Every structure is written in C-alpha cells, then in structure tokens.
Amino acid sequence: MSDANLNIAGVNDLRRHIAPLHDELTAAAERVISSGWFVLGQEVESFETQFAAYCNVAHGIGVANGTEALELALKALGIGAGSRVATTANAGMYSTAAILALGATPVYVDIDPNTYLLCPEALSDTVARGALAAVVVTHLYGAMANMPEILKLTNASAIPVIEDCAQAHGATLQGRKAGSFGTLGTFSFYPTKNLGALGDGGAVVTDSDELASRLRHLRQYGWTRRYHALVAGGRNSRLDELQAALLKVMLPKLDRWNARRREIARLYSTGLRTSRIVCPRSADGGDVVHLYVVRVKDREEFRAFLGQSRIPTDVHFPTPDYRQPAVAPALERIPSLDATETACEQVVSLPCFPELTDPEVGLIVERINAWS
C-alpha cells in the first residue's frame, strides 16, 4: 500500500465514522424536529432507560456534557468547599475542572506505569495521609482501572467512588460494565468518544434511587417541579432531545465498534517490532481501546517522522493537571508522581477508529517499524 492511498483525517476520523449512518441519523433528527419537543422529552427519557440498561444499572441521567456529569455527580454526593477529592493527573483536566468548580481540592494519586490508570497502592498511601470525601477513578484509553482493589480501600474508609467512564463506554471488568462499580459513573458523549453524539452530551449512571432523584433536580435549577427550586446547587445541564435521538441510533452499534477497535489494537501490537516504542498491554475482551497509545522517549521526532507519511498522531495528555498554570494555586503540596510525569512526557496516540482498515493499519505499522 502506498502513502498516497492513506486517507486518515486524524486519530479519530469522524467523517468516515458517521457517513454510513447518514440516513438513520437524518431520520432520527427529522423525528425530533417534527415532534416540536426539544428539551427533556421522550427521546431523552428513552435513551436514559436504554443506556442504564446497557450499563447494567438502575438509572441514567442525561446532562449537557461529560465534565458537568462529573461536577453534578460530585455535587450529588455533597462535595463542596473544603472537600478533598482524590483523582489522577494524566487525563486532561476533566476531573480536576469539576472538583475545582465546586471549591473542593484535587488530591493527586500516581498511576500504574504499565496501564496509566490509578494505582491502588498509591491510593492506599493517599488514604493514609488524610481524609478524602470522594475518589474519581478515570478509566483511560478504553481500559478499566482495578476497581475491585480500589473498592476494597474505599469501602473500608466509607469513601464514595465516581467512575469517570468518558473513554470507556462498554468496557467490562470481571463481567461488569464500566459505571456499575462505583457509587456513580459518569460519561461524555463528545463526538470522538466510543459512543459519541453530534455535539456535546453526557450522562450519570447509578443504582441509587436517592442520588438519581437528586441529580435530576440538580441538572435543572434544583427544581422539584417547574419553577420550584428546592434543591440547592442546581444548574442548567440538560441533554438535548436531538442528541438523545442520535445516540439511540448509535448505541446498538457500540459493541461492534468496540470489537473492531480491539482488532485494530491486536494488529498494532502483533505488528510493531521497533524497540524504540513501548506498546500498551494487550487489549483483553473487556477493553474498548478508545485510544491506542504507545510510549516513546523521542516523541516529537517520532511524530514528525510519521507526519512525513501523512500519518496523524496526537498526545493524550501532555501536561499533568497539577502543572497547569490555572490550577497550581489551588493545590496542596504535590507528592512525587513519577509514573504520571513519565506518561505525560512520552505518550503518543496512533489512529484508532472502527472504520480504519487492515491495510491502513499495516501501512502505519510498516512506517513505525522503519523508524530508526
């Protein structure tokens, strides 16, 4: 296959992903337009029910985006000023932004250097250093953190856990879906996600009737009924009818898309031979490979080399949250987070989306193996 045949818009090519769904998505949009009901109607309610069932939980609550899903989940737990919330710092600022929005303090936990996910041993040390009001566990790149070990620690100290599943739609661990382990699970439906809308959207899932009710109030001004705001801290954070209808088209296709992502990861992992990169662990049946991320010491040289063949790459994520200038003044003293620092310095994302073809993966592998 020649370089001229490679036609990839980015590590996620949304044009190619959405094109086969054009007619179904158009029909869904026309249904919403014809209904004359555009906010918190039947489309949102039915999607919430379907998505909760998919995640094997009792409740799904649609909200405006994934970051507000995190913020409202924290608020539903009573997190506010003075609260300390543990999270990781290598996942793009989303949990940090939600924690800081409530006046709480992020407490950063180091990651496992092989998985880039929250390290249970490091969390144990963090729990021992001071009281935590909650833990946000980010399932990164499509793989799930070690929830059984994490929950052993948090349950022993009665610490609620929020699963950040923005990169893990449909991921499973020990037969359980992402979002079903913690007190609450949050999702983003940003277009590049494994289940992505054609705009912003998010959801919170839970088995708790009480928290689900509280979240439904919080997402709409704290109303318990129209114009009666009885729940403090409410805001306007609603999933649109249009996005819910489009997501209903795509949800039944999610498992097939995830299976293709795992196959692409297998092709990369079995084909890459150069010792200059470190491949991720093999994607098991529970991983959904939101991103295929390698580790490279000479990152910019590597990206420039692939760019010569018009092979797109990206970096998820280059800067630890605690090194962001807007964040540092609000933080406690940061412990040494060596694995986090290394990951942020070395990670590179390769193209990975369900419509990527075997020959295209083969070309990318060939070019990487030629890097010397």
Protein backbone atom coordinates (compact mmCIF):
# COMPACT_ATOMS: atom_id res chain seq x y z
CA MET A 1 0.00 0.00 0.00
CA SER A 2 1.46 3.39 -0.98
CA ASP A 3 1.39 6.54 1.13
CA ALA A 4 -0.93 8.11 -1.45
CA ASN A 5 -3.67 5.63 -0.50
CA LEU A 6 -3.68 6.68 3.15
CA ASN A 7 -6.65 8.95 3.79
CA ILE A 8 -6.96 9.47 7.53
CA ALA A 9 -8.23 12.79 8.86
CA GLY A 10 -6.92 12.17 12.39
CA VAL A 11 -6.53 9.61 15.14
CA ASN A 12 -10.35 9.68 15.08
CA ASP A 13 -11.87 10.18 11.62
CA LEU A 14 -15.43 11.29 12.36
CA ARG A 15 -16.27 11.82 8.71
CA ARG A 16 -15.71 8.15 7.97
CA HIS A 17 -17.33 7.04 11.22
CA ILE A 18 -20.59 8.91 10.71
CA ALA A 19 -21.03 8.62 6.92
CA PRO A 20 -22.55 5.08 6.97
CA LEU A 21 -25.17 6.27 9.49
CA HIS A 22 -26.34 9.27 7.48
CA ASP A 23 -29.82 8.01 6.66
CA GLU A 24 -30.55 6.66 10.15
CA LEU A 25 -29.32 9.82 11.82
CA THR A 26 -31.29 12.02 9.43
CA ALA A 27 -34.47 10.07 10.16
CA ALA A 28 -33.89 10.45 13.92
CA ALA A 29 -33.30 14.19 13.55
CA GLU A 30 -36.44 14.60 11.46
CA ARG A 31 -38.44 12.73 14.11
CA VAL A 32 -37.31 15.22 16.75
CA ILE A 33 -37.92 18.23 14.52
CA SER A 34 -41.43 17.02 13.72
CA SER A 35 -42.23 16.43 17.38
CA GLY A 36 -41.87 20.09 18.37
CA TRP A 37 -40.32 18.99 21.71
CA PHE A 38 -36.60 19.66 22.04
CA VAL A 39 -35.58 19.50 25.72
CA LEU A 40 -36.17 16.72 28.30
CA GLY A 41 -38.80 14.79 26.41
CA GLN A 42 -39.42 11.23 25.27
CA GLU A 43 -36.13 10.90 23.37
CA VAL A 44 -34.04 11.73 26.45
CA GLU A 45 -36.16 9.54 28.71
CA SER A 46 -35.95 6.52 26.40
CA PHE A 47 -32.20 6.96 25.85
CA GLU A 48 -31.63 7.22 29.61
CA THR A 49 -33.50 3.95 30.09
CA GLN A 50 -31.63 2.20 27.29
CA PHE A 51 -28.22 3.44 28.37
CA ALA A 52 -28.80 2.50 32.02
CA ALA A 53 -29.81 -1.00 30.91
CA TYR A 54 -26.70 -1.22 28.73
CA CYS A 55 -24.54 -0.30 31.74
CA ASN A 56 -26.47 -2.74 33.96
CA VAL A 57 -27.51 -0.06 36.43
CA ALA A 58 -30.89 1.21 37.58
CA HIS A 59 -30.73 4.84 36.49
CA GLY A 60 -29.30 7.02 33.74
CA ILE A 61 -29.50 10.81 33.91
CA GLY A 62 -28.66 12.77 30.76
CA VAL A 63 -26.73 16.01 31.19
CA ALA A 64 -25.09 18.59 28.95
CA ASN A 65 -21.55 17.16 28.77
CA GLY A 66 -19.08 14.86 30.47
CA THR A 67 -17.41 17.47 32.66
CA GLU A 68 -20.75 18.60 34.06
CA ALA A 69 -21.60 14.93 34.61
CA LEU A 70 -18.57 14.77 36.92
CA GLU A 71 -19.41 18.06 38.60
CA LEU A 72 -23.04 17.12 39.24
CA ALA A 73 -22.05 13.66 40.46
CA LEU A 74 -19.70 15.25 42.99
CA LYS A 75 -22.36 17.77 43.98
CA ALA A 76 -24.93 14.99 44.46
CA LEU A 77 -22.52 13.44 46.99
CA GLY A 78 -22.30 16.71 48.89
CA ILE A 79 -18.80 17.62 47.74
CA GLY A 80 -18.01 21.31 48.21
CA ALA A 81 -15.58 23.79 49.67
CA GLY A 82 -13.11 22.10 51.99
CA SER A 83 -13.62 18.63 50.49
CA ARG A 84 -10.57 16.66 49.36
CA VAL A 85 -11.15 14.51 46.28
CA ALA A 86 -8.58 12.02 45.01
CA THR A 87 -8.02 11.68 41.28
CA THR A 88 -5.26 11.19 38.71
CA ALA A 89 -3.45 13.99 36.86
CA ASN A 90 -2.78 12.41 33.45
CA ALA A 91 -6.28 12.56 31.95
CA GLY A 92 -6.70 16.03 30.51
CA MET A 93 -8.01 18.20 33.38
CA TYR A 94 -11.63 17.00 33.29
CA SER A 95 -11.91 15.65 36.82
CA THR A 96 -9.74 18.50 38.09
CA ALA A 97 -12.01 21.10 36.49
CA ALA A 98 -15.09 19.53 38.05
CA ILE A 99 -13.50 19.32 41.51
CA LEU A 100 -12.28 22.91 41.42
CA ALA A 101 -15.67 24.17 40.17
CA LEU A 102 -17.15 23.07 43.50
CA GLY A 103 -14.44 24.73 45.55
CA ALA A 104 -13.01 21.35 46.51
CA THR A 105 -9.34 20.36 46.40
CA PRO A 106 -7.91 17.77 43.98
CA VAL A 107 -5.57 15.28 45.67
CA TYR A 108 -3.47 13.58 43.01
CA VAL A 109 -2.67 9.87 43.06
CA ASP A 110 0.05 8.32 40.92
CA ILE A 111 -0.73 5.87 38.15
CA ASP A 112 0.38 2.36 37.32
CA PRO A 113 3.24 2.91 34.82
CA ASN A 114 2.08 -0.01 32.67
CA THR A 115 -1.61 0.84 32.42
CA TYR A 116 -1.66 4.63 33.01
CA LEU A 117 -4.58 4.02 35.40
CA LEU A 118 -4.95 4.91 39.06
CA CYS A 119 -2.60 2.74 41.13
CA PRO A 120 -4.35 1.07 44.11
CA GLU A 121 -1.12 1.03 46.14
CA ALA A 122 -0.66 4.75 45.58
CA LEU A 123 -4.29 5.33 46.55
CA SER A 124 -3.71 3.41 49.77
CA ASP A 125 -0.89 5.81 50.63
CA THR A 126 -3.12 8.78 49.81
CA VAL A 127 -5.94 7.50 52.02
CA ALA A 128 -3.45 7.09 54.88
CA ARG A 129 -2.28 10.72 54.54
CA GLY A 130 -5.67 12.35 55.15
CA ALA A 131 -9.44 12.14 54.91
CA LEU A 132 -10.96 12.00 51.43
CA ALA A 133 -14.54 12.99 50.59
CA ALA A 134 -14.53 11.00 47.34
CA VAL A 135 -12.33 9.33 44.74
CA VAL A 136 -12.71 9.90 41.00
CA VAL A 137 -11.36 6.88 39.11
CA THR A 138 -10.71 7.56 35.43
CA HIS A 139 -10.90 4.60 33.06
CA LEU A 140 -8.38 5.82 30.50
CA TYR A 141 -7.85 4.91 26.83
CA GLY A 142 -10.67 2.32 26.94
CA ALA A 143 -9.26 0.20 29.79
CA MET A 144 -10.75 -0.05 33.26
CA ALA A 145 -8.86 0.60 36.46
CA ASN A 146 -8.56 -2.15 39.07
CA MET A 147 -11.95 -1.46 40.62
CA PRO A 148 -12.05 -4.49 42.98
CA GLU A 149 -8.81 -3.41 44.69
CA ILE A 150 -9.80 0.25 44.69
CA LEU A 151 -13.17 -0.53 46.25
CA LYS A 152 -11.54 -2.62 48.98
CA LEU A 153 -9.68 0.51 50.04
CA THR A 154 -12.55 2.96 49.67
CA ASN A 155 -15.20 0.75 51.23
CA ALA A 156 -13.02 0.23 54.29
CA SER A 157 -12.98 4.01 54.80
CA ALA A 158 -16.55 4.67 53.57
CA ILE A 159 -15.29 6.83 50.69
CA PRO A 160 -17.68 7.12 47.71
CA VAL A 161 -16.24 6.41 44.26
CA ILE A 162 -17.13 8.09 40.99
CA GLU A 163 -16.08 6.21 37.86
CA ASP A 164 -15.11 8.58 35.04
CA CYS A 165 -16.09 6.45 32.03
CA ALA A 166 -15.68 9.10 29.33
CA GLN A 167 -13.21 6.85 27.47
CA ALA A 168 -14.74 3.51 28.44
CA HIS A 169 -18.25 3.15 27.00
CA GLY A 170 -18.98 -0.58 27.07
CA ALA A 171 -15.74 -1.61 28.80
CA THR A 172 -16.04 -4.51 31.21
CA LEU A 173 -14.10 -5.96 34.12
CA GLN A 174 -14.95 -9.34 35.63
CA GLY A 175 -18.20 -9.30 33.66
CA ARG A 176 -19.33 -5.90 34.94
CA LYS A 177 -19.70 -2.78 32.83
CA ALA A 178 -17.85 0.48 33.37
CA GLY A 179 -20.01 2.69 35.53
CA SER A 180 -21.55 -0.16 37.51
CA PHE A 181 -18.84 -0.49 40.19
CA GLY A 182 -18.82 2.92 41.84
CA THR A 183 -21.42 4.92 43.69
CA LEU A 184 -21.85 6.86 40.45
CA GLY A 185 -20.50 6.59 36.92
CA THR A 186 -20.10 9.50 34.51
CA PHE A 187 -19.94 9.52 30.72
CA SER A 188 -19.16 12.00 27.98
CA PHE A 189 -20.77 11.74 24.56
CA TYR A 190 -18.33 14.15 22.91
CA PRO A 191 -18.17 13.18 19.20
CA THR A 192 -14.80 11.37 19.42
CA LYS A 193 -15.92 9.03 22.22
CA ASN A 194 -16.67 5.37 21.57
CA LEU A 195 -20.32 6.40 21.82
CA GLY A 196 -20.33 9.97 20.57
CA ALA A 197 -23.10 12.41 19.78
CA LEU A 198 -23.03 15.03 17.02
CA GLY A 199 -22.30 17.68 19.60
CA ASP A 200 -21.91 17.70 23.36
CA GLY A 201 -23.71 15.43 25.78
CA GLY A 202 -23.14 13.43 28.94
CA ALA A 203 -24.76 11.15 31.47
CA VAL A 204 -24.50 9.98 35.05
CA VAL A 205 -25.47 6.39 35.95
CA THR A 206 -26.18 4.93 39.37
CA ASP A 207 -28.05 2.22 41.25
CA SER A 208 -29.08 4.70 43.94
CA ASP A 209 -32.69 5.92 43.73
CA GLU A 210 -31.85 8.81 46.06
CA LEU A 211 -28.84 10.03 44.07
CA ALA A 212 -30.69 9.65 40.75
CA SER A 213 -33.52 11.81 42.04
CA ARG A 214 -31.09 14.40 43.35
CA LEU A 215 -29.24 14.51 40.02
CA ARG A 216 -32.46 15.05 38.08
CA HIS A 217 -33.18 18.04 40.27
CA LEU A 218 -29.62 19.38 40.09
CA ARG A 219 -29.47 19.27 36.28
CA GLN A 220 -32.44 21.65 36.05
CA TYR A 221 -32.05 24.53 38.50
CA GLY A 222 -32.76 22.37 41.56
CA TRP A 223 -36.42 22.20 40.55
CA THR A 224 -38.56 19.54 42.21
CA ARG A 225 -41.34 20.78 39.94
CA ARG A 226 -41.41 23.59 37.42
CA TYR A 227 -40.24 26.90 38.88
CA HIS A 228 -39.93 25.40 42.39
CA ALA A 229 -36.22 25.17 43.25
CA LEU A 230 -35.89 23.22 46.50
CA VAL A 231 -32.51 21.51 45.91
CA ALA A 232 -29.56 23.83 46.43
CA GLY A 233 -26.80 23.99 43.84
CA GLY A 234 -28.89 23.32 40.75
CA ARG A 235 -27.91 24.49 37.29
CA ASN A 236 -28.94 24.15 33.66
CA SER A 237 -27.27 20.97 32.37
CA ARG A 238 -29.63 19.02 30.14
CA LEU A 239 -29.09 16.51 27.34
CA ASP A 240 -30.95 17.71 24.23
CA GLU A 241 -33.70 15.66 22.62
CA LEU A 242 -31.82 15.77 19.32
CA GLN A 243 -28.59 14.34 20.75
CA ALA A 244 -30.53 11.68 22.66
CA ALA A 245 -32.25 10.57 19.45
CA LEU A 246 -28.92 10.36 17.61
CA LEU A 247 -27.33 8.41 20.46
CA LYS A 248 -30.21 5.92 20.33
CA VAL A 249 -29.25 5.19 16.73
CA MET A 250 -25.64 4.54 17.68
CA LEU A 251 -25.96 2.66 20.98
CA PRO A 252 -26.89 -0.71 19.37
CA LYS A 253 -23.74 -0.47 17.23
CA LEU A 254 -21.37 0.25 20.12
CA ASP A 255 -20.32 -3.34 20.89
CA ARG A 256 -19.50 -3.99 17.23
CA TRP A 257 -17.46 -0.81 17.04
CA ASN A 258 -15.61 -1.73 20.22
CA ALA A 259 -14.84 -5.20 18.85
CA ARG A 260 -13.28 -3.59 15.78
CA ARG A 261 -11.18 -1.32 17.99
CA ARG A 262 -9.83 -4.39 19.79
CA GLU A 263 -8.95 -5.96 16.44
CA ILE A 264 -7.08 -2.82 15.37
CA ALA A 265 -5.17 -2.89 18.67
CA ARG A 266 -4.27 -6.55 18.05
CA LEU A 267 -2.93 -5.67 14.59
CA TYR A 268 -0.78 -2.91 16.04
CA SER A 269 0.51 -4.96 18.96
CA THR A 270 1.40 -8.00 16.88
CA GLY A 271 2.91 -5.99 14.02
CA LEU A 272 5.03 -3.39 15.78
CA ARG A 273 8.64 -4.54 16.11
CA THR A 274 10.79 -1.49 16.81
CA SER A 275 12.38 -1.37 20.24
CA ARG A 276 12.07 2.43 20.29
CA ILE A 277 8.42 2.35 21.30
CA VAL A 278 6.55 0.64 24.13
CA CYS A 279 3.17 -0.76 23.14
CA PRO A 280 0.24 -0.82 25.58
CA ARG A 281 -0.72 -4.04 27.27
CA SER A 282 -2.74 -6.35 25.04
CA ALA A 283 -6.40 -5.34 24.89
CA ASP A 284 -8.44 -8.08 26.52
CA GLY A 285 -12.12 -8.71 25.86
CA GLY A 286 -13.11 -6.03 28.34
CA ASP A 287 -11.03 -3.16 26.91
CA VAL A 288 -12.69 -0.93 24.33
CA VAL A 289 -9.50 0.75 23.01
CA HIS A 290 -10.75 4.31 22.92
CA LEU A 291 -7.17 5.22 22.00
CA TYR A 292 -4.17 3.11 21.03
CA VAL A 293 -1.37 4.78 22.99
CA VAL A 294 2.33 3.94 22.72
CA ARG A 295 5.16 5.36 24.80
CA VAL A 296 8.12 6.98 23.00
CA LYS A 297 11.12 8.76 24.51
CA ASP A 298 11.77 10.85 21.39
CA ARG A 299 8.14 11.87 20.98
CA GLU A 300 8.46 14.87 18.70
CA GLU A 301 10.95 13.12 16.43
CA PHE A 302 8.58 10.14 16.21
CA ARG A 303 5.57 12.29 15.39
CA ALA A 304 7.49 14.24 12.77
CA PHE A 305 8.66 11.00 11.16
CA LEU A 306 5.10 9.71 10.84
CA GLY A 307 3.90 13.11 9.66
CA GLN A 308 6.16 12.77 6.62
CA SER A 309 3.89 9.90 5.55
CA ARG A 310 0.74 11.84 6.45
CA ILE A 311 0.08 9.55 9.39
CA PRO A 312 -1.69 11.59 12.09
CA THR A 313 -0.81 11.28 15.77
CA ASP A 314 -1.90 13.07 18.93
CA VAL A 315 -0.87 13.31 22.59
CA HIS A 316 -3.37 12.34 25.30
CA PHE A 317 -2.26 14.11 27.50
CA PRO A 318 0.97 16.15 27.56
CA THR A 319 0.70 18.10 30.83
CA PRO A 320 -0.14 16.78 34.31
CA ASP A 321 -3.09 18.69 35.75
CA TYR A 322 -1.03 19.98 38.65
CA ARG A 323 1.37 21.69 36.21
CA GLN A 324 -1.40 23.71 34.56
CA PRO A 325 -0.86 27.40 35.46
CA ALA A 326 -4.55 27.94 36.19
CA VAL A 327 -4.66 25.03 38.65
CA ALA A 328 -1.47 25.20 40.69
CA PRO A 329 -2.54 27.97 43.12
CA ALA A 330 -5.48 25.89 44.37
CA LEU A 331 -3.49 22.75 45.16
CA GLU A 332 -1.96 21.13 48.19
CA ARG A 333 1.69 20.15 48.12
CA ILE A 334 2.10 17.61 45.32
CA PRO A 335 3.90 14.36 46.17
CA SER A 336 6.33 12.81 43.71
CA LEU A 337 4.28 11.30 40.86
CA ASP A 338 6.99 9.70 38.76
CA ALA A 339 4.77 7.45 36.65
CA THR A 340 2.44 10.35 35.86
CA GLU A 341 5.37 12.54 34.78
CA THR A 342 6.81 9.82 32.53
CA ALA A 343 3.48 9.10 30.87
CA CYS A 344 2.80 12.74 30.10
CA GLU A 345 6.28 13.12 28.61
CA GLN A 346 6.14 10.03 26.40
CA VAL A 347 2.60 9.01 25.36
CA VAL A 348 1.56 9.17 21.70
CA SER A 349 -1.84 8.18 20.28
CA LEU A 350 -1.98 6.38 16.94
CA PRO A 351 -5.03 6.33 14.64
CA CYS A 352 -7.74 4.07 16.06
CA PHE A 353 -11.36 4.20 14.97
CA PRO A 354 -13.68 1.42 13.81
CA GLU A 355 -13.53 2.31 10.10
CA LEU A 356 -9.71 2.13 9.95
CA THR A 357 -8.89 -0.68 7.52
CA ASP A 358 -6.41 -3.52 7.93
CA PRO A 359 -4.24 -2.22 5.04
CA GLU A 360 -4.14 1.22 6.65
CA VAL A 361 -3.05 -0.27 9.96
CA GLY A 362 -0.48 -2.27 8.04
CA LEU A 363 0.97 0.86 6.47
CA ILE A 364 1.19 2.62 9.83
CA VAL A 365 2.93 -0.41 11.34
CA GLU A 366 5.34 -0.56 8.40
CA ARG A 367 6.30 3.08 8.77
CA ILE A 368 6.77 2.82 12.55
CA ASN A 369 8.97 -0.25 12.14
CA ALA A 370 11.08 1.73 9.68
CA TRP A 371 11.80 4.41 12.30
CA SER A 372 15.42 4.04 13.26
